[in-house]
Amino acid sequence: MARVRTDLIAIAIALRAETQDWVRDLGAHHVIDHSQPMAPQIAALRFGAPAFVFSTTHSDRHLADIAELIAPQGRFVLIDDPASLDIVAFKRKAVSVHRELMFTRSLFDTPDVGERGRLLDAVAELVDEGAFAPRPPKRCHRSMPPI
């Protein structure tokens, strides 16, 4: 979706060939291997350090790699729930950390509570247009690495 709605370069991480194909089908420009140090792989792409990192799972396991590869004053967002998350490694680069929960707006009736519906409508429109076709790979490990 980042590829369709922004001019960002989308870099996903995946190990198995079918998962790499899946994230490419979803729009990733590049795919790196999460079983290897990530910062050198990002550097090899020659785009510079990413300003945004979105982590979907195992954020605590990948935190040292993320702290190394993210740009100074970058933004790190996570949606998983690690038991603990020591973000001291981000201090040197002044990285901001953002937590996201799909239901926060409705749980707390925030002033922008309607935004969730607008976002879902935008996704539905992209699916209807064929620009975005979310589908799992034929065999998907139950715990995907952060993307």
C-alpha atoms as a PDB file:
ATOM      1  CA  MET A   1       0.000   0.000   0.000  1.00  0.00           C
ATOM      2  CA  ALA A   2       2.912   2.357   0.682  1.00  0.00           C
ATOM      3  CA  ARG A   3       3.976   1.934  -2.917  1.00  0.00           C
ATOM      4  CA  VAL A   4       0.548   2.806  -4.292  1.00  0.00           C
ATOM      5  CA  ARG A   5      -0.227   5.744  -1.986  1.00  0.00           C
ATOM      6  CA  THR A   6       3.215   7.362  -1.529  1.00  0.00           C
ATOM      7  CA  ASP A   7       6.500   7.946  -3.305  1.00  0.00           C
ATOM      8  CA  LEU A   8       8.369   5.979  -0.633  1.00  0.00           C
ATOM      9  CA  ILE A   9      10.693   3.118  -1.548  1.00  0.00           C
ATOM     10  CA  ALA A  10       9.158   0.056   0.112  1.00  0.00           C
ATOM     11  CA  ILE A  11      11.700  -2.419   1.489  1.00  0.00           C
ATOM     12  CA  ALA A  12      10.319  -5.614   2.996  1.00  0.00           C
ATOM     13  CA  ILE A  13      12.093  -8.372   4.842  1.00  0.00           C
ATOM     14  CA  ALA A  14      11.519 -12.052   4.193  1.00  0.00           C
ATOM     15  CA  LEU A  15      13.505 -15.269   4.273  1.00  0.00           C
ATOM     16  CA  ARG A  16      11.708 -17.842   2.139  1.00  0.00           C
ATOM     17  CA  ALA A  17      11.386 -17.430  -1.643  1.00  0.00           C
ATOM     18  CA  GLU A  18       7.573 -17.655  -1.573  1.00  0.00           C
ATOM     19  CA  THR A  19       7.376 -14.957   1.087  1.00  0.00           C
ATOM     20  CA  GLN A  20       9.773 -12.779  -0.896  1.00  0.00           C
ATOM     21  CA  ASP A  21       7.542 -13.202  -3.951  1.00  0.00           C
ATOM     22  CA  TRP A  22       4.464 -12.398  -1.857  1.00  0.00           C
ATOM     23  CA  VAL A  23       5.850  -9.114  -0.499  1.00  0.00           C
ATOM     24  CA  ARG A  24       7.017  -8.146  -3.985  1.00  0.00           C
ATOM     25  CA  ASP A  25       3.485  -8.867  -5.267  1.00  0.00           C
ATOM     26  CA  LEU A  26       2.212  -6.575  -2.519  1.00  0.00           C
ATOM     27  CA  GLY A  27       4.449  -3.804  -3.829  1.00  0.00           C
ATOM     28  CA  ALA A  28       7.839  -4.049  -2.139  1.00  0.00           C
ATOM     29  CA  HIS A  29      10.539  -2.511  -4.318  1.00  0.00           C
ATOM     30  CA  HIS A  30      13.247  -4.502  -2.540  1.00  0.00           C
ATOM     31  CA  VAL A  31      13.397  -7.459  -0.140  1.00  0.00           C
ATOM     32  CA  ILE A  32      16.109  -8.165   2.411  1.00  0.00           C
ATOM     33  CA  ASP A  33      16.773 -11.275   4.516  1.00  0.00           C
ATOM     34  CA  HIS A  34      15.928 -10.921   8.216  1.00  0.00           C
ATOM     35  CA  SER A  35      18.201 -13.839   9.156  1.00  0.00           C
ATOM     36  CA  GLN A  36      21.222 -11.682   8.229  1.00  0.00           C
ATOM     37  CA  PRO A  37      22.270  -8.298   9.645  1.00  0.00           C
ATOM     38  CA  MET A  38      19.865  -5.819   8.085  1.00  0.00           C
ATOM     39  CA  ALA A  39      21.889  -2.586   8.126  1.00  0.00           C
ATOM     40  CA  PRO A  40      24.508  -3.782   5.583  1.00  0.00           C
ATOM     41  CA  GLN A  41      21.735  -5.028   3.279  1.00  0.00           C
ATOM     42  CA  ILE A  42      19.994  -1.646   3.472  1.00  0.00           C
ATOM     43  CA  ALA A  43      23.307   0.126   2.832  1.00  0.00           C
ATOM     44  CA  ALA A  44      23.912  -2.059  -0.231  1.00  0.00           C
ATOM     45  CA  LEU A  45      20.690  -0.724  -1.782  1.00  0.00           C
ATOM     46  CA  ARG A  46      22.312   2.741  -1.858  1.00  0.00           C
ATOM     47  CA  PHE A  47      19.196   4.687  -0.873  1.00  0.00           C
ATOM     48  CA  GLY A  48      20.658   5.930   2.388  1.00  0.00           C
ATOM     49  CA  ALA A  49      19.208   5.227   5.793  1.00  0.00           C
ATOM     50  CA  PRO A  50      15.424   4.883   5.863  1.00  0.00           C
ATOM     51  CA  ALA A  51      13.547   7.660   7.643  1.00  0.00           C
ATOM     52  CA  PHE A  52      10.595   5.370   8.395  1.00  0.00           C
ATOM     53  CA  VAL A  53      10.567   1.810   9.735  1.00  0.00           C
ATOM     54  CA  PHE A  54       7.298  -0.075  10.242  1.00  0.00           C
ATOM     55  CA  SER A  55       7.604  -3.228  12.346  1.00  0.00           C
ATOM     56  CA  THR A  56       4.776  -5.746  12.416  1.00  0.00           C
ATOM     57  CA  THR A  57       6.228  -8.505  14.586  1.00  0.00           C
ATOM     58  CA  HIS A  58       9.290  -9.451  16.647  1.00  0.00           C
ATOM     59  CA  SER A  59      10.189  -5.785  17.101  1.00  0.00           C
ATOM     60  CA  ASP A  60      12.156  -6.582  20.241  1.00  0.00           C
ATOM     61  CA  ARG A  61      14.299  -9.156  18.382  1.00  0.00           C
ATOM     62  CA  HIS A  62      15.107  -6.759  15.550  1.00  0.00           C
ATOM     63  CA  LEU A  63      15.490  -3.579  17.587  1.00  0.00           C
ATOM     64  CA  ALA A  64      19.308  -3.447  17.508  1.00  0.00           C
ATOM     65  CA  ASP A  65      19.301  -3.865  13.707  1.00  0.00           C
ATOM     66  CA  ILE A  66      16.599  -1.226  13.324  1.00  0.00           C
ATOM     67  CA  ALA A  67      18.475   1.217  15.566  1.00  0.00           C
ATOM     68  CA  GLU A  68      21.563   0.732  13.412  1.00  0.00           C
ATOM     69  CA  LEU A  69      19.879   1.144  10.025  1.00  0.00           C
ATOM     70  CA  ILE A  70      17.317   3.908  10.688  1.00  0.00           C
ATOM     71  CA  ALA A  71      18.155   7.517   9.799  1.00  0.00           C
ATOM     72  CA  PRO A  72      18.833  10.110  12.497  1.00  0.00           C
ATOM     73  CA  GLN A  73      15.502  11.664  13.535  1.00  0.00           C
ATOM     74  CA  GLY A  74      13.743   8.745  11.854  1.00  0.00           C
ATOM     75  CA  ARG A  75      10.347   7.419  12.816  1.00  0.00           C
ATOM     76  CA  PHE A  76       9.819   3.887  14.092  1.00  0.00           C
ATOM     77  CA  VAL A  77       6.304   2.472  14.346  1.00  0.00           C
ATOM     78  CA  LEU A  78       5.375  -0.915  15.731  1.00  0.00           C
ATOM     79  CA  ILE A  79       2.086  -2.749  15.926  1.00  0.00           C
ATOM     80  CA  ASP A  80       3.149  -5.881  17.805  1.00  0.00           C
ATOM     81  CA  ASP A  81       3.187  -6.314  21.573  1.00  0.00           C
ATOM     82  CA  PRO A  82       6.655  -7.263  22.806  1.00  0.00           C
ATOM     83  CA  ALA A  83       6.853  -8.054  26.517  1.00  0.00           C
ATOM     84  CA  SER A  84       9.335  -5.208  26.824  1.00  0.00           C
ATOM     85  CA  LEU A  85      10.992  -2.792  24.447  1.00  0.00           C
ATOM     86  CA  ASP A  86      14.148  -0.970  25.467  1.00  0.00           C
ATOM     87  CA  ILE A  87      14.334   2.024  23.131  1.00  0.00           C
ATOM     88  CA  VAL A  88      17.502   3.530  24.597  1.00  0.00           C
ATOM     89  CA  ALA A  89      19.321   2.555  21.373  1.00  0.00           C
ATOM     90  CA  PHE A  90      17.203   5.150  19.549  1.00  0.00           C
ATOM     91  CA  LYS A  91      18.249   8.055  21.779  1.00  0.00           C
ATOM     92  CA  ARG A  92      21.553   8.750  19.984  1.00  0.00           C
ATOM     93  CA  LYS A  93      19.726   9.245  16.687  1.00  0.00           C
ATOM     94  CA  ALA A  94      16.692  10.987  18.260  1.00  0.00           C
ATOM     95  CA  VAL A  95      14.361   8.431  16.656  1.00  0.00           C
ATOM     96  CA  SER A  96      10.697   8.874  17.537  1.00  0.00           C
ATOM     97  CA  VAL A  97       8.786   5.738  18.501  1.00  0.00           C
ATOM     98  CA  HIS A  98       5.116   5.331  17.662  1.00  0.00           C
ATOM     99  CA  ARG A  99       2.723   2.620  18.783  1.00  0.00           C
ATOM    100  CA  GLU A 100      -0.334   1.914  16.704  1.00  0.00           C
ATOM    101  CA  LEU A 101      -3.487   0.039  17.575  1.00  0.00           C
ATOM    102  CA  MET A 102      -6.292  -0.303  15.083  1.00  0.00           C
ATOM    103  CA  PHE A 103      -8.992   0.265  17.699  1.00  0.00           C
ATOM    104  CA  THR A 104      -7.589   3.233  19.666  1.00  0.00           C
ATOM    105  CA  ARG A 105      -9.864   5.768  17.989  1.00  0.00           C
ATOM    106  CA  SER A 106     -13.043   3.802  18.695  1.00  0.00           C
ATOM    107  CA  LEU A 107     -11.964   2.693  22.184  1.00  0.00           C
ATOM    108  CA  PHE A 108     -11.401   6.282  23.289  1.00  0.00           C
ATOM    109  CA  ASP A 109     -13.755   8.074  20.884  1.00  0.00           C
ATOM    110  CA  THR A 110     -10.936  10.323  19.726  1.00  0.00           C
ATOM    111  CA  PRO A 111     -11.767  13.461  17.709  1.00  0.00           C
ATOM    112  CA  ASP A 112     -10.570  11.707  14.537  1.00  0.00           C
ATOM    113  CA  VAL A 113     -12.601   8.534  15.128  1.00  0.00           C
ATOM    114  CA  GLY A 114     -13.930   8.673  11.543  1.00  0.00           C
ATOM    115  CA  GLU A 115     -10.427   8.406  10.090  1.00  0.00           C
ATOM    116  CA  ARG A 116     -10.402   4.610  10.459  1.00  0.00           C
ATOM    117  CA  GLY A 117     -13.439   4.335   8.188  1.00  0.00           C
ATOM    118  CA  ARG A 118     -11.831   6.662   5.642  1.00  0.00           C
ATOM    119  CA  LEU A 119      -8.665   4.548   5.661  1.00  0.00           C
ATOM    120  CA  LEU A 120     -10.636   1.336   5.196  1.00  0.00           C
ATOM    121  CA  ASP A 121     -12.599   2.954   2.347  1.00  0.00           C
ATOM    122  CA  ALA A 122      -9.301   3.928   0.678  1.00  0.00           C
ATOM    123  CA  VAL A 123      -8.049   0.336   0.940  1.00  0.00           C
ATOM    124  CA  ALA A 124     -11.330  -0.993  -0.466  1.00  0.00           C
ATOM    125  CA  GLU A 125     -11.064   1.442  -3.391  1.00  0.00           C
ATOM    126  CA  LEU A 126      -7.521   0.248  -4.159  1.00  0.00           C
ATOM    127  CA  VAL A 127      -8.661  -3.379  -4.029  1.00  0.00           C
ATOM    128  CA  ASP A 128     -11.606  -2.605  -6.335  1.00  0.00           C
ATOM    129  CA  GLU A 129      -9.245  -0.852  -8.780  1.00  0.00           C
ATOM    130  CA  GLY A 130      -6.881  -3.838  -8.734  1.00  0.00           C
ATOM    131  CA  ALA A 131      -4.045  -1.604  -7.517  1.00  0.00           C
ATOM    132  CA  PHE A 132      -3.738  -3.516  -4.274  1.00  0.00           C
ATOM    133  CA  ALA A 133      -4.567  -7.193  -3.886  1.00  0.00           C
ATOM    134  CA  PRO A 134      -3.897  -8.363  -0.347  1.00  0.00           C
ATOM    135  CA  ARG A 135      -3.487 -12.114  -0.249  1.00  0.00           C
ATOM    136  CA  PRO A 136      -1.377 -14.444   1.857  1.00  0.00           C
ATOM    137  CA  PRO A 137       1.286 -16.646   0.281  1.00  0.00           C
ATOM    138  CA  LYS A 138       0.367 -20.298  -0.230  1.00  0.00           C
ATOM    139  CA  ARG A 139       2.385 -21.197   2.853  1.00  0.00           C
ATOM    140  CA  CYS A 140       2.883 -18.425   5.344  1.00  0.00           C
ATOM    141  CA  HIS A 141       4.815 -18.844   8.567  1.00  0.00           C
ATOM    142  CA  ARG A 142       2.480 -17.828  11.357  1.00  0.00           C
ATOM    143  CA  SER A 143       4.855 -15.146  12.568  1.00  0.00           C
ATOM    144  CA  MET A 144       6.047 -12.897   9.771  1.00  0.00           C
ATOM    145  CA  PRO A 145       9.073 -10.635  10.284  1.00  0.00           C
ATOM    146  CA  PRO A 146       8.678  -6.858  10.423  1.00  0.00           C
ATOM    147  CA  ILE A 147       8.129  -5.092   7.156  1.00  0.00           C
END
